[in-house]
Amino acid sequence: MANYKLNTQLRPDIHKSVNKQLRKDEKIPAVYYFHREDPVPLSVDLKELRTIIHSNAHIIELHMGDKKHICILKDLQHDPVTDEIIHADFMGITLKEDITVNVPIIVEGSAIGVRDFGGVLAQHLWEIEVKCKATHIPDNFTVNVSDLNIGDSIFVSDLKAENFEILTPAKSSIVSVVKATGMKIEEGAEEAEETEEDEEDKADKE
């Protein structure tokens, strides 16, 4: 389990003009909430937040002045045009309670169906939803595709669960090897050529 410390600043003024200025300063508005306590408006450094997102950190130690809170990054809002992060929600947790989080999937290996038979590796899931204690959150799920031939798949049911419950449906396909589009086109072209040749032979006989 990877932890990450994130410094924050209280945001007493929540007007849109203030939030706009925050984003110009490479910071974004955020909110911390915990059970029935009142939400706390914050601001966080955008660069630090990106670092957390791209790390394996699931549990965040949120520093708010002289206080610190254990939490998870519950939600992100993105600009519909630029896709830039514009808001973050942090949910406080206790290490003894069960929480629901998304764990990233890492695909490794070179599928035989791709390497030797010209297939294409298609990934259908990038995260797995799990429920567990905060101390048992896996860093990631590693999926090895080396043995996959064309038509083969790896499903959620193939994953091993230790100290956590997988909530993503077991029948969901994570990754599969499929025929390349070009392969289908070539097969169709060959069939068309064979049909044309048959018609020419028939005309010659007539």
C-alpha atoms as a PDB file:
ATOM      1  CA  MET A   1       0.000   0.000   0.000  1.00  0.00           C
ATOM      2  CA  ALA A   2       1.519   3.301  -1.107  1.00  0.00           C
ATOM      3  CA  ASN A   3       0.776   6.494   0.854  1.00  0.00           C
ATOM      4  CA  TYR A   4       1.205  10.056  -0.311  1.00  0.00           C
ATOM      5  CA  LYS A   5       1.355  13.304   1.646  1.00  0.00           C
ATOM      6  CA  LEU A   6      -0.508  16.233   0.130  1.00  0.00           C
ATOM      7  CA  ASN A   7      -0.380  19.778   1.470  1.00  0.00           C
ATOM      8  CA  THR A   8      -3.549  21.842   1.188  1.00  0.00           C
ATOM      9  CA  GLN A   9      -4.771  25.318   1.971  1.00  0.00           C
ATOM     10  CA  LEU A  10      -8.143  26.207   3.432  1.00  0.00           C
ATOM     11  CA  ARG A  11     -10.408  27.961   0.943  1.00  0.00           C
ATOM     12  CA  PRO A  12     -12.761  30.231   2.910  1.00  0.00           C
ATOM     13  CA  ASP A  13     -13.892  32.064  -0.234  1.00  0.00           C
ATOM     14  CA  ILE A  14     -15.607  29.712  -2.685  1.00  0.00           C
ATOM     15  CA  HIS A  15     -16.744  32.228  -5.309  1.00  0.00           C
ATOM     16  CA  LYS A  16     -16.155  31.376  -8.972  1.00  0.00           C
ATOM     17  CA  SER A  17     -13.805  34.330  -9.442  1.00  0.00           C
ATOM     18  CA  VAL A  18     -11.546  32.988  -6.670  1.00  0.00           C
ATOM     19  CA  ASN A  19     -11.585  29.489  -8.142  1.00  0.00           C
ATOM     20  CA  LYS A  20     -10.648  30.925 -11.523  1.00  0.00           C
ATOM     21  CA  GLN A  21      -7.665  32.697 -10.007  1.00  0.00           C
ATOM     22  CA  LEU A  22      -6.605  29.486  -8.263  1.00  0.00           C
ATOM     23  CA  ARG A  23      -6.424  27.680 -11.584  1.00  0.00           C
ATOM     24  CA  LYS A  24      -4.309  30.478 -13.034  1.00  0.00           C
ATOM     25  CA  ASP A  25      -1.908  29.900 -10.122  1.00  0.00           C
ATOM     26  CA  GLU A  26      -1.669  26.162 -10.986  1.00  0.00           C
ATOM     27  CA  LYS A  27      -3.941  25.232  -8.098  1.00  0.00           C
ATOM     28  CA  ILE A  28      -7.457  23.827  -8.115  1.00  0.00           C
ATOM     29  CA  PRO A  29     -10.393  23.965  -5.703  1.00  0.00           C
ATOM     30  CA  ALA A  30     -11.103  20.820  -3.716  1.00  0.00           C
ATOM     31  CA  VAL A  31     -13.352  19.536  -0.941  1.00  0.00           C
ATOM     32  CA  TYR A  32     -12.639  17.217   1.976  1.00  0.00           C
ATOM     33  CA  TYR A  33     -15.567  15.394   3.583  1.00  0.00           C
ATOM     34  CA  PHE A  34     -15.880  12.692   6.236  1.00  0.00           C
ATOM     35  CA  HIS A  35     -19.120  10.961   7.154  1.00  0.00           C
ATOM     36  CA  ARG A  36     -21.549  13.532   8.615  1.00  0.00           C
ATOM     37  CA  GLU A  37     -19.028  16.286   9.224  1.00  0.00           C
ATOM     38  CA  ASP A  38     -19.376  19.517   7.261  1.00  0.00           C
ATOM     39  CA  PRO A  39     -17.361  19.548   4.007  1.00  0.00           C
ATOM     40  CA  VAL A  40     -14.128  21.566   4.141  1.00  0.00           C
ATOM     41  CA  PRO A  41     -13.296  23.687   1.044  1.00  0.00           C
ATOM     42  CA  LEU A  42      -9.612  23.449   0.130  1.00  0.00           C
ATOM     43  CA  SER A  43      -7.157  24.251  -2.619  1.00  0.00           C
ATOM     44  CA  VAL A  44      -4.408  21.878  -3.774  1.00  0.00           C
ATOM     45  CA  ASP A  45      -1.393  22.186  -6.010  1.00  0.00           C
ATOM     46  CA  LEU A  46      -2.257  20.812  -9.457  1.00  0.00           C
ATOM     47  CA  LYS A  47       1.240  19.440 -10.070  1.00  0.00           C
ATOM     48  CA  GLU A  48       1.211  17.512  -6.777  1.00  0.00           C
ATOM     49  CA  LEU A  49      -2.241  16.159  -7.540  1.00  0.00           C
ATOM     50  CA  ARG A  50      -1.088  14.896 -10.948  1.00  0.00           C
ATOM     51  CA  THR A  51       1.828  13.150  -9.208  1.00  0.00           C
ATOM     52  CA  ILE A  52      -0.593  11.336  -6.915  1.00  0.00           C
ATOM     53  CA  ILE A  53      -2.801  10.279  -9.826  1.00  0.00           C
ATOM     54  CA  HIS A  54       0.153   8.821 -11.739  1.00  0.00           C
ATOM     55  CA  SER A  55       1.605   7.051  -8.701  1.00  0.00           C
ATOM     56  CA  ASN A  56       0.405   3.879  -7.006  1.00  0.00           C
ATOM     57  CA  ALA A  57      -0.838   5.852  -4.000  1.00  0.00           C
ATOM     58  CA  HIS A  58      -4.342   4.975  -2.867  1.00  0.00           C
ATOM     59  CA  ILE A  59      -4.233   6.390   0.644  1.00  0.00           C
ATOM     60  CA  ILE A  60      -3.532  10.100   0.933  1.00  0.00           C
ATOM     61  CA  GLU A  61      -2.400  11.896   4.072  1.00  0.00           C
ATOM     62  CA  LEU A  62      -4.083  15.254   3.650  1.00  0.00           C
ATOM     63  CA  HIS A  63      -2.365  18.070   5.560  1.00  0.00           C
ATOM     64  CA  MET A  64      -4.717  20.900   6.519  1.00  0.00           C
ATOM     65  CA  GLY A  65      -2.829  23.448   8.591  1.00  0.00           C
ATOM     66  CA  ASP A  66      -1.682  21.702  11.782  1.00  0.00           C
ATOM     67  CA  LYS A  67      -4.068  18.787  11.208  1.00  0.00           C
ATOM     68  CA  LYS A  68      -3.787  15.760   8.956  1.00  0.00           C
ATOM     69  CA  HIS A  69      -6.480  13.405   7.700  1.00  0.00           C
ATOM     70  CA  ILE A  70      -6.323   9.981   6.097  1.00  0.00           C
ATOM     71  CA  CYS A  71      -8.406   9.950   2.925  1.00  0.00           C
ATOM     72  CA  ILE A  72      -8.777   8.706  -0.632  1.00  0.00           C
ATOM     73  CA  LEU A  73      -9.213  10.660  -3.845  1.00  0.00           C
ATOM     74  CA  LYS A  74     -12.903   9.996  -4.446  1.00  0.00           C
ATOM     75  CA  ASP A  75     -13.665  12.047  -7.541  1.00  0.00           C
ATOM     76  CA  LEU A  76     -12.163  14.359 -10.153  1.00  0.00           C
ATOM     77  CA  GLN A  77     -13.923  16.865 -12.381  1.00  0.00           C
ATOM     78  CA  HIS A  78     -12.466  17.731 -15.798  1.00  0.00           C
ATOM     79  CA  ASP A  79     -12.994  20.627 -18.156  1.00  0.00           C
ATOM     80  CA  PRO A  80     -15.217  19.317 -20.997  1.00  0.00           C
ATOM     81  CA  VAL A  81     -13.103  21.111 -23.614  1.00  0.00           C
ATOM     82  CA  THR A  82      -9.492  20.873 -22.407  1.00  0.00           C
ATOM     83  CA  ASP A  83      -9.943  17.756 -20.193  1.00  0.00           C
ATOM     84  CA  GLU A  84      -7.863  19.540 -17.554  1.00  0.00           C
ATOM     85  CA  ILE A  85      -8.596  18.769 -13.890  1.00  0.00           C
ATOM     86  CA  ILE A  86     -10.727  21.546 -12.395  1.00  0.00           C
ATOM     87  CA  HIS A  87     -11.905  20.090  -9.052  1.00  0.00           C
ATOM     88  CA  ALA A  88     -11.093  17.238  -6.654  1.00  0.00           C
ATOM     89  CA  ASP A  89     -13.063  15.484  -3.916  1.00  0.00           C
ATOM     90  CA  PHE A  90     -11.257  13.819  -0.998  1.00  0.00           C
ATOM     91  CA  MET A  91     -13.150  11.399   1.255  1.00  0.00           C
ATOM     92  CA  GLY A  92     -11.914  10.812   4.784  1.00  0.00           C
ATOM     93  CA  ILE A  93     -11.590   7.198   5.932  1.00  0.00           C
ATOM     94  CA  THR A  94     -10.550   5.136   8.940  1.00  0.00           C
ATOM     95  CA  LEU A  95      -8.099   2.279   8.553  1.00  0.00           C
ATOM     96  CA  LYS A  96     -10.571  -0.164  10.121  1.00  0.00           C
ATOM     97  CA  GLU A  97     -13.542   0.381   7.795  1.00  0.00           C
ATOM     98  CA  ASP A  98     -14.166  -1.221   4.404  1.00  0.00           C
ATOM     99  CA  ILE A  99     -13.878   1.151   1.471  1.00  0.00           C
ATOM    100  CA  THR A 100     -14.487   0.837  -2.263  1.00  0.00           C
ATOM    101  CA  VAL A 101     -11.705   1.895  -4.621  1.00  0.00           C
ATOM    102  CA  ASN A 102     -10.610   1.375  -8.215  1.00  0.00           C
ATOM    103  CA  VAL A 103      -7.288  -0.420  -8.700  1.00  0.00           C
ATOM    104  CA  PRO A 104      -5.365  -0.012 -11.989  1.00  0.00           C
ATOM    105  CA  ILE A 105      -4.601  -2.909 -14.344  1.00  0.00           C
ATOM    106  CA  ILE A 106      -1.091  -3.392 -15.714  1.00  0.00           C
ATOM    107  CA  VAL A 107      -0.779  -5.511 -18.867  1.00  0.00           C
ATOM    108  CA  GLU A 108       2.547  -7.233 -19.470  1.00  0.00           C
ATOM    109  CA  GLY A 109       3.953  -9.716 -21.958  1.00  0.00           C
ATOM    110  CA  SER A 110       3.687 -10.188 -25.725  1.00  0.00           C
ATOM    111  CA  ALA A 111       0.636 -12.208 -26.807  1.00  0.00           C
ATOM    112  CA  ILE A 112       1.416 -15.106 -29.148  1.00  0.00           C
ATOM    113  CA  GLY A 113      -1.631 -14.225 -31.237  1.00  0.00           C
ATOM    114  CA  VAL A 114      -0.198 -10.762 -31.841  1.00  0.00           C
ATOM    115  CA  ARG A 115       3.444 -11.730 -32.196  1.00  0.00           C
ATOM    116  CA  ASP A 116       3.061 -14.783 -34.449  1.00  0.00           C
ATOM    117  CA  PHE A 117      -0.351 -14.517 -36.089  1.00  0.00           C
ATOM    118  CA  GLY A 118      -0.936 -10.806 -36.711  1.00  0.00           C
ATOM    119  CA  GLY A 119      -3.752 -10.346 -34.199  1.00  0.00           C
ATOM    120  CA  VAL A 120      -4.520  -7.223 -32.172  1.00  0.00           C
ATOM    121  CA  LEU A 121      -4.513  -6.929 -28.389  1.00  0.00           C
ATOM    122  CA  ALA A 122      -7.750  -5.275 -27.226  1.00  0.00           C
ATOM    123  CA  GLN A 123      -7.955  -3.997 -23.634  1.00  0.00           C
ATOM    124  CA  HIS A 124     -11.495  -3.624 -22.285  1.00  0.00           C
ATOM    125  CA  LEU A 125     -10.872  -2.690 -18.652  1.00  0.00           C
ATOM    126  CA  TRP A 126      -8.255  -0.391 -17.152  1.00  0.00           C
ATOM    127  CA  GLU A 127      -9.397  -0.587 -13.511  1.00  0.00           C
ATOM    128  CA  ILE A 128     -10.914  -3.146 -11.142  1.00  0.00           C
ATOM    129  CA  GLU A 129     -13.292  -2.100  -8.375  1.00  0.00           C
ATOM    130  CA  VAL A 130     -12.487  -3.691  -5.024  1.00  0.00           C
ATOM    131  CA  LYS A 131     -13.794  -3.493  -1.468  1.00  0.00           C
ATOM    132  CA  CYS A 132     -11.443  -3.911   1.471  1.00  0.00           C
ATOM    133  CA  LYS A 133      -9.712  -2.312   4.423  1.00  0.00           C
ATOM    134  CA  ALA A 134      -7.482   0.613   3.479  1.00  0.00           C
ATOM    135  CA  THR A 135      -4.406  -1.347   4.547  1.00  0.00           C
ATOM    136  CA  HIS A 136      -5.236  -4.157   2.095  1.00  0.00           C
ATOM    137  CA  ILE A 137      -5.677  -2.144  -1.094  1.00  0.00           C
ATOM    138  CA  PRO A 138      -3.541  -3.766  -3.831  1.00  0.00           C
ATOM    139  CA  ASP A 139      -1.230  -1.428  -5.738  1.00  0.00           C
ATOM    140  CA  ASN A 140      -2.386  -2.895  -9.061  1.00  0.00           C
ATOM    141  CA  PHE A 141      -3.493  -6.016 -10.903  1.00  0.00           C
ATOM    142  CA  THR A 142      -0.820  -7.406 -13.237  1.00  0.00           C
ATOM    143  CA  VAL A 143      -2.164  -9.359 -16.206  1.00  0.00           C
ATOM    144  CA  ASN A 144       0.248 -11.402 -18.343  1.00  0.00           C
ATOM    145  CA  VAL A 145      -0.997 -11.883 -21.908  1.00  0.00           C
ATOM    146  CA  SER A 146       1.897 -13.980 -23.262  1.00  0.00           C
ATOM    147  CA  ASP A 147      -0.194 -17.149 -23.755  1.00  0.00           C
ATOM    148  CA  LEU A 148      -3.128 -15.468 -25.505  1.00  0.00           C
ATOM    149  CA  ASN A 149      -3.825 -16.565 -29.069  1.00  0.00           C
ATOM    150  CA  ILE A 150      -6.429 -15.090 -31.427  1.00  0.00           C
ATOM    151  CA  GLY A 151      -9.837 -15.512 -29.803  1.00  0.00           C
ATOM    152  CA  ASP A 152      -8.460 -15.879 -26.258  1.00  0.00           C
ATOM    153  CA  SER A 153      -9.387 -13.575 -23.359  1.00  0.00           C
ATOM    154  CA  ILE A 154      -8.558 -12.932 -19.722  1.00  0.00           C
ATOM    155  CA  PHE A 155     -11.560 -12.284 -17.482  1.00  0.00           C
ATOM    156  CA  VAL A 156     -12.032 -10.706 -14.070  1.00  0.00           C
ATOM    157  CA  SER A 157     -12.735 -14.219 -12.748  1.00  0.00           C
ATOM    158  CA  ASP A 158      -9.110 -15.111 -13.563  1.00  0.00           C
ATOM    159  CA  LEU A 159      -7.806 -12.636 -10.984  1.00  0.00           C
ATOM    160  CA  LYS A 160      -6.841 -13.763  -7.500  1.00  0.00           C
ATOM    161  CA  ALA A 161      -8.383 -11.895  -4.562  1.00  0.00           C
ATOM    162  CA  GLU A 162      -6.471 -11.789  -1.273  1.00  0.00           C
ATOM    163  CA  ASN A 163      -7.813  -9.814   1.688  1.00  0.00           C
ATOM    164  CA  PHE A 164     -10.226  -7.948  -0.585  1.00  0.00           C
ATOM    165  CA  GLU A 165     -13.457  -8.461  -2.505  1.00  0.00           C
ATOM    166  CA  ILE A 166     -13.617  -7.823  -6.253  1.00  0.00           C
ATOM    167  CA  LEU A 167     -16.807  -5.947  -7.143  1.00  0.00           C
ATOM    168  CA  THR A 168     -16.314  -5.786 -10.918  1.00  0.00           C
ATOM    169  CA  PRO A 169     -18.475  -8.532 -12.542  1.00  0.00           C
ATOM    170  CA  ALA A 170     -16.518 -11.789 -12.857  1.00  0.00           C
ATOM    171  CA  LYS A 171     -17.590 -12.324 -16.476  1.00  0.00           C
ATOM    172  CA  SER A 172     -16.128  -8.977 -17.592  1.00  0.00           C
ATOM    173  CA  SER A 173     -13.324  -9.331 -20.141  1.00  0.00           C
ATOM    174  CA  ILE A 174     -10.120  -7.493 -19.224  1.00  0.00           C
ATOM    175  CA  VAL A 175      -8.126  -8.102 -22.385  1.00  0.00           C
ATOM    176  CA  SER A 176      -8.445 -10.251 -25.516  1.00  0.00           C
ATOM    177  CA  VAL A 177      -6.689 -10.955 -28.796  1.00  0.00           C
ATOM    178  CA  VAL A 178      -8.788 -10.383 -31.909  1.00  0.00           C
ATOM    179  CA  LYS A 179      -8.224 -10.555 -35.650  1.00  0.00           C
ATOM    180  CA  ALA A 180      -6.828  -7.405 -37.186  1.00  0.00           C
ATOM    181  CA  THR A 181      -9.188  -5.456 -39.446  1.00  0.00           C
ATOM    182  CA  GLY A 182      -6.700  -5.828 -42.277  1.00  0.00           C
ATOM    183  CA  MET A 183      -6.879  -9.589 -41.951  1.00  0.00           C
ATOM    184  CA  LYS A 184     -10.609  -9.528 -42.542  1.00  0.00           C
ATOM    185  CA  ILE A 185     -10.219  -7.229 -45.524  1.00  0.00           C
ATOM    186  CA  GLU A 186      -7.617  -9.509 -47.078  1.00  0.00           C
ATOM    187  CA  GLU A 187      -9.826 -12.563 -46.592  1.00  0.00           C
ATOM    188  CA  GLY A 188     -12.717 -10.716 -48.199  1.00  0.00           C
ATOM    189  CA  ALA A 189     -10.513  -9.657 -51.084  1.00  0.00           C
ATOM    190  CA  GLU A 190      -9.355 -13.239 -51.627  1.00  0.00           C
ATOM    191  CA  GLU A 191     -12.960 -14.451 -51.708  1.00  0.00           C
ATOM    192  CA  ALA A 192     -13.825 -11.751 -54.223  1.00  0.00           C
ATOM    193  CA  GLU A 193     -10.871 -12.713 -56.415  1.00  0.00           C
ATOM    194  CA  GLU A 194     -11.887 -16.393 -56.293  1.00  0.00           C
ATOM    195  CA  THR A 195     -15.447 -15.470 -57.298  1.00  0.00           C
ATOM    196  CA  GLU A 196     -14.190 -13.391 -60.227  1.00  0.00           C
ATOM    197  CA  GLU A 197     -11.939 -16.242 -61.371  1.00  0.00           C
ATOM    198  CA  ASP A 198     -14.836 -18.728 -61.201  1.00  0.00           C
ATOM    199  CA  GLU A 199     -17.009 -16.414 -63.263  1.00  0.00           C
ATOM    200  CA  GLU A 200     -14.235 -15.982 -65.872  1.00  0.00           C
ATOM    201  CA  ASP A 201     -13.743 -19.766 -66.112  1.00  0.00           C
ATOM    202  CA  LYS A 202     -17.459 -20.240 -66.527  1.00  0.00           C
ATOM    203  CA  ALA A 203     -17.588 -17.616 -69.303  1.00  0.00           C
ATOM    204  CA  ASP A 204     -14.673 -19.271 -71.114  1.00  0.00           C
ATOM    205  CA  LYS A 205     -16.428 -22.640 -71.018  1.00  0.00           C
ATOM    206  CA  GLU A 206     -19.588 -21.111 -72.455  1.00  0.00           C
END
